[in-house]
Amino acid sequence: MGLTLLVPVLFGFVWAGMGAALYHFGNTAAQAAAQTGATAAAAQHGTNADCEQAAAGFTAGLGDALSDITVSCRRTATTATATITGTTLSLIPGWAPTVTQTVTVAVERIT
């Protein structure tokens, strides 16, 4: 009787652990893409287009980690900011968790 109850509970923990790992992987991938984009825009002659191109190039190599990706970049005189939003993989049909990561980097200046 105890084993019949224990096996479904253990499978539930494994399932939840895999779901958390997939969410974490997508979240980390979004953060890395935002870092890549912000760093490109923060270069001495960087632009918002450089940010978007770098982030899009990074996310293209991610495979299924993120889907429905949007990239938003903003560069001011002192900072460059990239925001990546996407949908991570899910083990639950019909549920698609969304992640958003924003990275701000100081703009390079030659002094």
N, C-alpha and C. Protein backbone atom coordinates (compact mmCIF):
# COMPACT_ATOMS: atom_id res chain seq x y z
N MET A 1 0.82 -1.19 0.00
CA MET A 1 0.00 0.00 0.00
C MET A 1 0.87 1.26 0.00
N GLY A 2 1.95 1.27 0.78
CA GLY A 2 2.80 2.46 0.87
C GLY A 2 3.50 2.77 -0.44
N LEU A 3 3.94 1.72 -1.17
CA LEU A 3 4.62 1.93 -2.45
C LEU A 3 3.66 2.46 -3.50
N THR A 4 2.40 2.05 -3.44
CA THR A 4 1.42 2.51 -4.42
C THR A 4 1.16 4.00 -4.26
N LEU A 5 1.31 4.52 -3.10
CA LEU A 5 1.13 5.96 -2.87
C LEU A 5 2.44 6.72 -3.12
N LEU A 6 3.55 6.10 -2.84
CA LEU A 6 4.84 6.76 -2.94
C LEU A 6 5.26 7.02 -4.39
N VAL A 7 5.01 6.10 -5.29
CA VAL A 7 5.44 6.24 -6.68
C VAL A 7 4.80 7.46 -7.36
N PRO A 8 3.48 7.68 -7.28
CA PRO A 8 2.92 8.88 -7.90
C PRO A 8 3.45 10.18 -7.29
N VAL A 9 3.69 10.16 -6.00
CA VAL A 9 4.24 11.35 -5.35
C VAL A 9 5.65 11.63 -5.86
N LEU A 10 6.47 10.60 -5.99
CA LEU A 10 7.82 10.78 -6.51
C LEU A 10 7.79 11.26 -7.97
N PHE A 11 6.91 10.70 -8.78
CA PHE A 11 6.77 11.17 -10.16
C PHE A 11 6.33 12.63 -10.19
N GLY A 12 5.47 13.02 -9.29
CA GLY A 12 5.03 14.42 -9.20
C GLY A 12 6.19 15.35 -8.89
N PHE A 13 7.06 14.95 -7.96
CA PHE A 13 8.24 15.76 -7.63
C PHE A 13 9.19 15.86 -8.82
N VAL A 14 9.38 14.76 -9.53
CA VAL A 14 10.25 14.78 -10.71
C VAL A 14 9.65 15.69 -11.77
N TRP A 15 8.35 15.60 -12.00
CA TRP A 15 7.67 16.43 -12.99
C TRP A 15 7.80 17.91 -12.63
N ALA A 16 7.57 18.24 -11.38
CA ALA A 16 7.69 19.64 -10.93
C ALA A 16 9.13 20.13 -11.05
N GLY A 17 10.08 19.27 -10.74
CA GLY A 17 11.49 19.64 -10.86
C GLY A 17 11.89 19.91 -12.30
N MET A 18 11.41 19.09 -13.22
CA MET A 18 11.69 19.31 -14.64
C MET A 18 11.05 20.60 -15.14
N GLY A 19 9.84 20.87 -14.69
CA GLY A 19 9.17 22.12 -15.07
C GLY A 19 9.93 23.33 -14.57
N ALA A 20 10.40 23.27 -13.34
CA ALA A 20 11.18 24.37 -12.78
C ALA A 20 12.50 24.55 -13.53
N ALA A 21 13.11 23.44 -13.92
CA ALA A 21 14.37 23.51 -14.67
C ALA A 21 14.16 24.15 -16.04
N LEU A 22 13.08 23.80 -16.72
CA LEU A 22 12.78 24.40 -18.03
C LEU A 22 12.52 25.89 -17.90
N TYR A 23 11.79 26.30 -16.87
CA TYR A 23 11.52 27.72 -16.63
C TYR A 23 12.84 28.46 -16.34
N HIS A 24 13.67 27.89 -15.51
CA HIS A 24 14.95 28.51 -15.17
C HIS A 24 15.85 28.63 -16.40
N PHE A 25 15.86 27.61 -17.24
CA PHE A 25 16.66 27.64 -18.46
C PHE A 25 16.20 28.77 -19.38
N GLY A 26 14.89 28.92 -19.57
CA GLY A 26 14.36 30.00 -20.40
C GLY A 26 14.64 31.37 -19.82
N ASN A 27 14.54 31.48 -18.51
CA ASN A 27 14.80 32.75 -17.82
C ASN A 27 16.27 33.14 -17.96
N THR A 28 17.15 32.18 -17.79
CA THR A 28 18.59 32.43 -17.92
C THR A 28 18.95 32.78 -19.37
N ALA A 29 18.32 32.12 -20.32
CA ALA A 29 18.56 32.41 -21.73
C ALA A 29 18.12 33.84 -22.07
N ALA A 30 16.99 34.27 -21.53
CA ALA A 30 16.51 35.64 -21.76
C ALA A 30 17.48 36.65 -21.15
N GLN A 31 18.00 36.35 -19.97
CA GLN A 31 18.95 37.25 -19.33
C GLN A 31 20.24 37.35 -20.14
N ALA A 32 20.73 36.25 -20.65
CA ALA A 32 21.95 36.26 -21.46
C ALA A 32 21.73 37.03 -22.77
N ALA A 33 20.57 36.89 -23.37
CA ALA A 33 20.26 37.62 -24.60
C ALA A 33 20.18 39.12 -24.32
N ALA A 34 19.58 39.50 -23.20
CA ALA A 34 19.50 40.91 -22.83
C ALA A 34 20.90 41.47 -22.56
N GLN A 35 21.76 40.70 -21.91
CA GLN A 35 23.13 41.14 -21.65
C GLN A 35 23.88 41.35 -22.95
N THR A 36 23.71 40.43 -23.89
CA THR A 36 24.37 40.53 -25.19
C THR A 36 23.92 41.78 -25.94
N GLY A 37 22.62 42.03 -25.94
CA GLY A 37 22.09 43.21 -26.62
C GLY A 37 22.53 44.50 -25.98
N ALA A 38 22.45 44.58 -24.67
CA ALA A 38 22.84 45.80 -23.97
C ALA A 38 24.32 46.10 -24.15
N THR A 39 25.14 45.07 -24.14
CA THR A 39 26.58 45.25 -24.33
C THR A 39 26.87 45.78 -25.74
N ALA A 40 26.15 45.28 -26.73
CA ALA A 40 26.35 45.75 -28.10
C ALA A 40 25.95 47.23 -28.23
N ALA A 41 24.87 47.61 -27.59
CA ALA A 41 24.43 49.01 -27.66
C ALA A 41 25.34 49.93 -26.85
N ALA A 42 25.98 49.40 -25.82
CA ALA A 42 26.83 50.22 -24.96
C ALA A 42 28.21 50.48 -25.54
N ALA A 43 28.54 49.83 -26.64
CA ALA A 43 29.84 50.08 -27.29
C ALA A 43 29.92 51.54 -27.68
N GLN A 44 31.13 52.02 -27.92
CA GLN A 44 31.33 53.45 -28.15
C GLN A 44 30.41 54.02 -29.23
N HIS A 45 30.25 53.33 -30.32
CA HIS A 45 29.37 53.81 -31.39
C HIS A 45 28.16 52.91 -31.56
N GLY A 46 27.74 52.26 -30.49
CA GLY A 46 26.61 51.35 -30.54
C GLY A 46 25.29 52.07 -30.72
N THR A 47 24.33 51.35 -31.26
CA THR A 47 22.99 51.91 -31.51
C THR A 47 21.93 50.92 -31.02
N ASN A 48 20.68 51.37 -31.05
CA ASN A 48 19.58 50.47 -30.72
C ASN A 48 19.51 49.32 -31.72
N ALA A 49 19.82 49.61 -32.97
CA ALA A 49 19.81 48.55 -33.99
C ALA A 49 20.87 47.49 -33.69
N ASP A 50 22.04 47.92 -33.22
CA ASP A 50 23.09 46.96 -32.84
C ASP A 50 22.60 46.07 -31.71
N CYS A 51 21.92 46.67 -30.76
CA CYS A 51 21.37 45.92 -29.62
C CYS A 51 20.38 44.87 -30.10
N GLU A 52 19.43 45.29 -30.93
CA GLU A 52 18.40 44.37 -31.42
C GLU A 52 19.01 43.25 -32.25
N GLN A 53 19.99 43.61 -33.09
CA GLN A 53 20.63 42.60 -33.94
C GLN A 53 21.41 41.59 -33.11
N ALA A 54 22.15 42.07 -32.11
CA ALA A 54 22.93 41.16 -31.26
C ALA A 54 22.02 40.24 -30.45
N ALA A 55 20.97 40.80 -29.87
CA ALA A 55 20.04 39.98 -29.07
C ALA A 55 19.31 38.98 -29.95
N ALA A 56 18.89 39.40 -31.15
CA ALA A 56 18.19 38.48 -32.06
C ALA A 56 19.13 37.37 -32.53
N GLY A 57 20.39 37.71 -32.77
CA GLY A 57 21.36 36.69 -33.16
C GLY A 57 21.59 35.68 -32.06
N PHE A 58 21.64 36.17 -30.82
CA PHE A 58 21.82 35.27 -29.68
C PHE A 58 20.62 34.35 -29.52
N THR A 59 19.42 34.92 -29.58
CA THR A 59 18.22 34.10 -29.37
C THR A 59 18.00 33.11 -30.50
N ALA A 60 18.52 33.40 -31.69
CA ALA A 60 18.37 32.47 -32.81
C ALA A 60 19.07 31.14 -32.53
N GLY A 61 20.12 31.18 -31.73
CA GLY A 61 20.87 29.97 -31.41
C GLY A 61 20.37 29.23 -30.18
N LEU A 62 19.28 29.70 -29.59
CA LEU A 62 18.78 29.08 -28.36
C LEU A 62 17.94 27.83 -28.58
N GLY A 63 17.47 27.65 -29.77
CA GLY A 63 16.59 26.51 -30.02
C GLY A 63 15.22 26.75 -29.40
N ASP A 64 14.72 25.77 -28.65
CA ASP A 64 13.38 25.84 -28.07
C ASP A 64 13.33 26.51 -26.70
N ALA A 65 14.45 26.98 -26.19
CA ALA A 65 14.47 27.54 -24.84
C ALA A 65 13.49 28.70 -24.70
N LEU A 66 13.39 29.54 -25.72
CA LEU A 66 12.45 30.66 -25.72
C LEU A 66 11.73 30.71 -27.07
N SER A 67 10.46 31.09 -27.02
CA SER A 67 9.71 31.31 -28.25
C SER A 67 8.90 32.60 -28.09
N ASP A 68 8.32 33.07 -29.16
CA ASP A 68 7.56 34.33 -29.14
C ASP A 68 8.39 35.45 -28.50
N ILE A 69 9.60 35.61 -28.98
CA ILE A 69 10.55 36.53 -28.37
C ILE A 69 10.34 37.95 -28.88
N THR A 70 10.35 38.90 -27.95
CA THR A 70 10.37 40.31 -28.32
C THR A 70 11.61 40.95 -27.71
N VAL A 71 12.24 41.81 -28.48
CA VAL A 71 13.45 42.50 -28.06
C VAL A 71 13.17 43.99 -28.05
N SER A 72 13.49 44.63 -26.95
CA SER A 72 13.32 46.07 -26.84
C SER A 72 14.63 46.67 -26.35
N CYS A 73 15.12 47.69 -27.08
CA CYS A 73 16.39 48.31 -26.72
C CYS A 73 16.22 49.81 -26.60
N ARG A 74 16.97 50.38 -25.68
CA ARG A 74 16.95 51.83 -25.48
C ARG A 74 18.34 52.26 -25.08
N ARG A 75 18.88 53.25 -25.79
CA ARG A 75 20.22 53.77 -25.48
C ARG A 75 20.10 55.26 -25.22
N THR A 76 20.64 55.68 -24.09
CA THR A 76 20.71 57.10 -23.76
C THR A 76 22.18 57.50 -23.79
N ALA A 77 22.46 58.71 -23.37
CA ALA A 77 23.85 59.18 -23.36
C ALA A 77 24.70 58.43 -22.35
N THR A 78 24.08 57.86 -21.32
CA THR A 78 24.85 57.21 -20.26
C THR A 78 24.60 55.71 -20.10
N THR A 79 23.44 55.23 -20.56
CA THR A 79 23.13 53.81 -20.37
C THR A 79 22.53 53.19 -21.63
N ALA A 80 22.68 51.89 -21.71
CA ALA A 80 22.04 51.09 -22.76
C ALA A 80 21.23 50.00 -22.06
N THR A 81 19.97 49.87 -22.43
CA THR A 81 19.08 48.91 -21.78
C THR A 81 18.46 48.00 -22.82
N ALA A 82 18.47 46.72 -22.53
CA ALA A 82 17.82 45.72 -23.39
C ALA A 82 16.83 44.93 -22.56
N THR A 83 15.65 44.73 -23.11
CA THR A 83 14.62 43.92 -22.45
C THR A 83 14.20 42.81 -23.41
N ILE A 84 14.25 41.59 -22.91
CA ILE A 84 13.87 40.41 -23.68
C ILE A 84 12.66 39.77 -22.99
N THR A 85 11.63 39.51 -23.77
CA THR A 85 10.45 38.82 -23.27
C THR A 85 10.20 37.61 -24.17
N GLY A 86 9.89 36.49 -23.57
CA GLY A 86 9.63 35.29 -24.35
C GLY A 86 8.86 34.26 -23.54
N THR A 87 8.49 33.21 -24.21
CA THR A 87 7.74 32.12 -23.60
C THR A 87 8.67 30.93 -23.45
N THR A 88 8.72 30.35 -22.25
CA THR A 88 9.58 29.21 -22.00
C THR A 88 8.85 27.90 -22.30
N LEU A 89 9.62 26.84 -22.33
CA LEU A 89 9.03 25.51 -22.51
C LEU A 89 8.22 25.13 -21.28
N SER A 90 7.20 24.32 -21.47
CA SER A 90 6.36 23.90 -20.36
C SER A 90 5.98 22.43 -20.52
N LEU A 91 5.87 21.74 -19.42
CA LEU A 91 5.44 20.35 -19.42
C LEU A 91 3.92 20.22 -19.29
N ILE A 92 3.26 21.34 -19.02
CA ILE A 92 1.82 21.33 -18.82
C ILE A 92 1.16 21.87 -20.09
N PRO A 93 0.39 21.06 -20.79
CA PRO A 93 -0.26 21.52 -22.02
C PRO A 93 -1.17 22.72 -21.76
N GLY A 94 -1.06 23.71 -22.63
CA GLY A 94 -1.90 24.90 -22.50
C GLY A 94 -1.34 25.98 -21.60
N TRP A 95 -0.27 25.71 -20.90
CA TRP A 95 0.33 26.70 -20.01
C TRP A 95 1.69 27.07 -20.56
N ALA A 96 1.87 28.35 -20.86
CA ALA A 96 3.12 28.83 -21.43
C ALA A 96 3.65 29.97 -20.57
N PRO A 97 4.57 29.67 -19.64
CA PRO A 97 5.08 30.73 -18.77
C PRO A 97 5.90 31.75 -19.55
N THR A 98 5.71 33.01 -19.23
CA THR A 98 6.41 34.11 -19.88
C THR A 98 7.50 34.64 -18.94
N VAL A 99 8.66 34.92 -19.52
CA VAL A 99 9.75 35.51 -18.75
C VAL A 99 10.13 36.84 -19.38
N THR A 100 10.58 37.76 -18.54
CA THR A 100 11.07 39.06 -19.00
C THR A 100 12.35 39.36 -18.23
N GLN A 101 13.38 39.71 -18.97
CA GLN A 101 14.66 40.08 -18.35
C GLN A 101 15.12 41.41 -18.94
N THR A 102 15.58 42.30 -18.07
CA THR A 102 16.08 43.60 -18.48
C THR A 102 17.48 43.77 -17.94
N VAL A 103 18.39 44.23 -18.80
CA VAL A 103 19.78 44.48 -18.41
C VAL A 103 20.12 45.90 -18.82
N THR A 104 20.75 46.64 -17.92
CA THR A 104 21.22 47.99 -18.20
C THR A 104 22.73 48.04 -18.02
N VAL A 105 23.41 48.63 -19.00
CA VAL A 105 24.87 48.70 -19.01
C VAL A 105 25.28 50.15 -19.24
N ALA A 106 26.35 50.57 -18.61
CA ALA A 106 26.87 51.93 -18.84
C ALA A 106 27.48 52.02 -20.23
N VAL A 107 27.23 53.14 -20.90
CA VAL A 107 27.76 53.37 -22.25
C VAL A 107 29.25 53.66 -22.16
N GLU A 108 30.00 53.05 -23.07
CA GLU A 108 31.47 53.25 -23.10
C GLU A 108 31.78 54.68 -23.56
N ARG A 109 32.76 55.26 -22.90
CA ARG A 109 33.24 56.58 -23.31
C ARG A 109 34.75 56.58 -23.28
N ILE A 110 35.34 57.07 -24.31
CA ILE A 110 36.79 57.23 -24.37
C ILE A 110 37.14 58.54 -23.70
N THR A 111 37.96 58.47 -22.68
CA THR A 111 38.36 59.71 -21.99
C THR A 111 39.84 59.95 -22.08
